[in-house]
């Protein structure tokens, strides 16, 4: 299946509907931080973060 023509928005909406996916949303200008091991990413929204456990 070729997904290269599917929009990112459509892919995200499909993934958000899956059982093994958690969705986190930071609104515009809302700060967020993600830490994995020793690496940390800090920024501000808008952003949608998908945690995919598959």
Protein backbone atom coordinates (compact mmCIF):
# COMPACT_ATOMS: atom_id res chain seq x y z
CA UNK A 1 0.00 0.00 0.00
CA UNK A 2 1.45 3.37 -1.07
CA UNK A 3 0.81 5.98 1.61
CA UNK A 4 2.95 8.68 0.02
CA UNK A 5 -0.12 10.45 -1.42
CA UNK A 6 -2.06 10.42 1.88
CA UNK A 7 -1.95 13.73 3.74
CA UNK A 8 -0.16 13.90 7.07
CA UNK A 9 -3.39 15.11 8.69
CA UNK A 10 -5.25 12.01 7.47
CA UNK A 11 -2.47 9.70 8.67
CA UNK A 12 -2.48 11.33 12.13
CA UNK A 13 -6.27 11.10 12.40
CA UNK A 14 -6.14 7.39 11.54
CA UNK A 15 -3.36 6.71 14.03
CA UNK A 16 -5.19 8.63 16.78
CA UNK A 17 -8.14 6.24 16.40
CA UNK A 18 -5.99 3.15 17.07
CA UNK A 19 -6.09 1.32 20.39
CA UNK A 20 -2.33 1.32 20.99
CA UNK A 21 -1.90 5.08 20.42
CA UNK A 22 -1.99 7.82 23.04
CA UNK A 23 -2.37 11.43 21.90
CA UNK A 24 -1.02 14.50 23.65
CA UNK A 25 -1.75 18.02 22.42
CA UNK A 26 0.00 21.27 23.31
CA UNK A 27 -2.05 24.32 22.40
CA UNK A 28 -0.46 27.38 20.76
CA UNK A 29 2.27 28.87 22.96
CA UNK A 30 1.79 26.11 25.58
CA UNK A 31 5.22 24.81 26.61
CA UNK A 32 5.98 21.10 26.49
CA UNK A 33 8.98 18.91 27.19
CA UNK A 34 9.83 15.35 26.19
CA UNK A 35 12.70 13.46 27.81
CA UNK A 36 14.02 10.11 26.58
CA UNK A 37 17.08 8.89 28.39
CA UNK A 38 19.43 11.86 28.50
CA UNK A 39 17.92 13.69 25.51
CA UNK A 40 15.32 16.40 26.16
CA UNK A 41 13.22 18.32 23.66
CA UNK A 42 11.54 21.48 24.93
CA UNK A 43 9.41 23.78 22.79
CA UNK A 44 5.95 25.29 22.63
CA UNK A 45 2.82 24.33 20.73
CA UNK A 46 0.88 23.93 18.70
CA UNK A 47 1.90 20.30 18.44
CA UNK A 48 0.31 16.85 18.46
CA UNK A 49 2.43 14.12 20.01
CA UNK A 50 1.58 10.49 19.32
CA UNK A 51 2.81 7.71 21.60
CA UNK A 52 2.61 4.56 19.52
CA UNK A 53 2.97 1.29 21.42
CA UNK A 54 3.04 -1.36 18.75
